[in-house]
């Protein structure tokens, strides 16, 4: 598992009520890595947050970490 995948997995598990259902997939492309986050339907609101604030914060954390690793990454929250 990569550091970015671990990071999103750890943070999102802390946010949700059902941490066992959290699933993180990593798709490595030539220039950009896509991190896919799947949570339980009941936890979707917690991960997205009011007006998408939590999702934006997750993306900011991912962006900071990937910049440090000199990579580009995108977070996609899958319903």
C-alpha atoms as a PDB file:
ATOM      1  CA  UNK A   1       0.000   0.000   0.000  1.00  0.00           C
ATOM      2  CA  UNK A   2       1.259   3.457  -0.826  1.00  0.00           C
ATOM      3  CA  UNK A   3       1.580   6.277   1.697  1.00  0.00           C
ATOM      4  CA  UNK A   4      -1.211   8.279   0.040  1.00  0.00           C
ATOM      5  CA  UNK A   5      -3.615   5.340   0.117  1.00  0.00           C
ATOM      6  CA  UNK A   6      -2.722   4.672   3.767  1.00  0.00           C
ATOM      7  CA  UNK A   7      -3.282   8.317   4.658  1.00  0.00           C
ATOM      8  CA  UNK A   8      -6.779   8.521   3.145  1.00  0.00           C
ATOM      9  CA  UNK A   9      -7.684   5.136   4.627  1.00  0.00           C
ATOM     10  CA  UNK A  10      -6.607   6.220   8.112  1.00  0.00           C
ATOM     11  CA  UNK A  11      -8.328   9.621   8.067  1.00  0.00           C
ATOM     12  CA  UNK A  12     -11.586   8.380   6.553  1.00  0.00           C
ATOM     13  CA  UNK A  13     -11.796   5.479   9.034  1.00  0.00           C
ATOM     14  CA  UNK A  14     -11.617   8.029  11.842  1.00  0.00           C
ATOM     15  CA  UNK A  15     -14.491  10.045  10.329  1.00  0.00           C
ATOM     16  CA  UNK A  16     -17.113   7.345   9.784  1.00  0.00           C
ATOM     17  CA  UNK A  17     -19.394   5.247  12.013  1.00  0.00           C
ATOM     18  CA  UNK A  18     -18.651   2.007  10.145  1.00  0.00           C
ATOM     19  CA  UNK A  19     -14.853   1.924   9.666  1.00  0.00           C
ATOM     20  CA  UNK A  20     -14.886  -1.749   8.605  1.00  0.00           C
ATOM     21  CA  UNK A  21     -16.680  -0.856   5.355  1.00  0.00           C
ATOM     22  CA  UNK A  22     -14.159   1.817   4.270  1.00  0.00           C
ATOM     23  CA  UNK A  23     -12.490   0.824   1.014  1.00  0.00           C
ATOM     24  CA  UNK A  24      -9.661   2.731  -0.667  1.00  0.00           C
ATOM     25  CA  UNK A  25      -8.400   1.896  -4.160  1.00  0.00           C
ATOM     26  CA  UNK A  26      -5.432   3.417  -5.905  1.00  0.00           C
ATOM     27  CA  UNK A  27      -5.209   3.757  -9.669  1.00  0.00           C
ATOM     28  CA  UNK A  28      -1.732   4.779 -10.760  1.00  0.00           C
ATOM     29  CA  UNK A  29      -1.597   6.619 -14.060  1.00  0.00           C
ATOM     30  CA  UNK A  30       1.359   8.036 -15.958  1.00  0.00           C
ATOM     31  CA  UNK A  31       1.109  11.496 -14.422  1.00  0.00           C
ATOM     32  CA  UNK A  32      -1.689  11.350 -11.847  1.00  0.00           C
ATOM     33  CA  UNK A  33      -2.694   8.860  -9.181  1.00  0.00           C
ATOM     34  CA  UNK A  34      -6.419   8.506  -8.516  1.00  0.00           C
ATOM     35  CA  UNK A  35      -7.422   7.553  -4.986  1.00  0.00           C
ATOM     36  CA  UNK A  36     -10.956   6.130  -4.866  1.00  0.00           C
ATOM     37  CA  UNK A  37     -12.772   6.199  -1.525  1.00  0.00           C
ATOM     38  CA  UNK A  38     -15.832   4.041  -0.877  1.00  0.00           C
ATOM     39  CA  UNK A  39     -17.745   4.243   2.405  1.00  0.00           C
ATOM     40  CA  UNK A  40     -21.098   2.950   3.626  1.00  0.00           C
ATOM     41  CA  UNK A  41     -24.116   4.892   2.271  1.00  0.00           C
ATOM     42  CA  UNK A  42     -24.969   6.090   5.793  1.00  0.00           C
ATOM     43  CA  UNK A  43     -21.451   7.516   6.220  1.00  0.00           C
ATOM     44  CA  UNK A  44     -21.354   9.330   2.877  1.00  0.00           C
ATOM     45  CA  UNK A  45     -22.549  12.592   4.436  1.00  0.00           C
ATOM     46  CA  UNK A  46     -19.831  12.466   7.085  1.00  0.00           C
ATOM     47  CA  UNK A  47     -17.089  12.057   4.478  1.00  0.00           C
ATOM     48  CA  UNK A  48     -18.453  14.818   2.245  1.00  0.00           C
ATOM     49  CA  UNK A  49     -19.403  17.199   5.069  1.00  0.00           C
ATOM     50  CA  UNK A  50     -21.488  20.351   4.981  1.00  0.00           C
ATOM     51  CA  UNK A  51     -21.153  21.994   1.563  1.00  0.00           C
ATOM     52  CA  UNK A  52     -18.323  19.548   0.812  1.00  0.00           C
ATOM     53  CA  UNK A  53     -16.007  20.958   3.478  1.00  0.00           C
ATOM     54  CA  UNK A  54     -14.770  17.605   4.775  1.00  0.00           C
ATOM     55  CA  UNK A  55     -14.168  16.311   1.251  1.00  0.00           C
ATOM     56  CA  UNK A  56     -12.278  19.516   0.437  1.00  0.00           C
ATOM     57  CA  UNK A  57     -10.178  19.081   3.591  1.00  0.00           C
ATOM     58  CA  UNK A  58      -9.387  15.468   2.637  1.00  0.00           C
ATOM     59  CA  UNK A  59      -8.329  16.639  -0.823  1.00  0.00           C
ATOM     60  CA  UNK A  60      -6.142  19.367   0.701  1.00  0.00           C
ATOM     61  CA  UNK A  61      -4.389  16.834   2.955  1.00  0.00           C
ATOM     62  CA  UNK A  62      -3.906  14.479  -0.007  1.00  0.00           C
ATOM     63  CA  UNK A  63      -2.580  17.333  -2.132  1.00  0.00           C
ATOM     64  CA  UNK A  64      -0.065  18.354   0.546  1.00  0.00           C
ATOM     65  CA  UNK A  65       1.146  14.774   1.001  1.00  0.00           C
ATOM     66  CA  UNK A  66       1.442  14.119  -2.733  1.00  0.00           C
ATOM     67  CA  UNK A  67       3.313  17.389  -3.257  1.00  0.00           C
ATOM     68  CA  UNK A  68       5.813  16.268  -0.642  1.00  0.00           C
ATOM     69  CA  UNK A  69       6.231  12.976  -2.532  1.00  0.00           C
ATOM     70  CA  UNK A  70       6.508  14.905  -5.822  1.00  0.00           C
ATOM     71  CA  UNK A  71       3.416  13.190  -7.225  1.00  0.00           C
ATOM     72  CA  UNK A  72       0.015  14.346  -8.444  1.00  0.00           C
ATOM     73  CA  UNK A  73      -3.081  12.790  -6.994  1.00  0.00           C
ATOM     74  CA  UNK A  74      -6.847  13.169  -7.095  1.00  0.00           C
ATOM     75  CA  UNK A  75      -9.426  11.968  -4.553  1.00  0.00           C
ATOM     76  CA  UNK A  76     -12.694  10.574  -5.839  1.00  0.00           C
ATOM     77  CA  UNK A  77     -15.474   9.724  -3.404  1.00  0.00           C
ATOM     78  CA  UNK A  78     -17.562   6.924  -4.866  1.00  0.00           C
ATOM     79  CA  UNK A  79     -21.198   6.499  -3.877  1.00  0.00           C
END
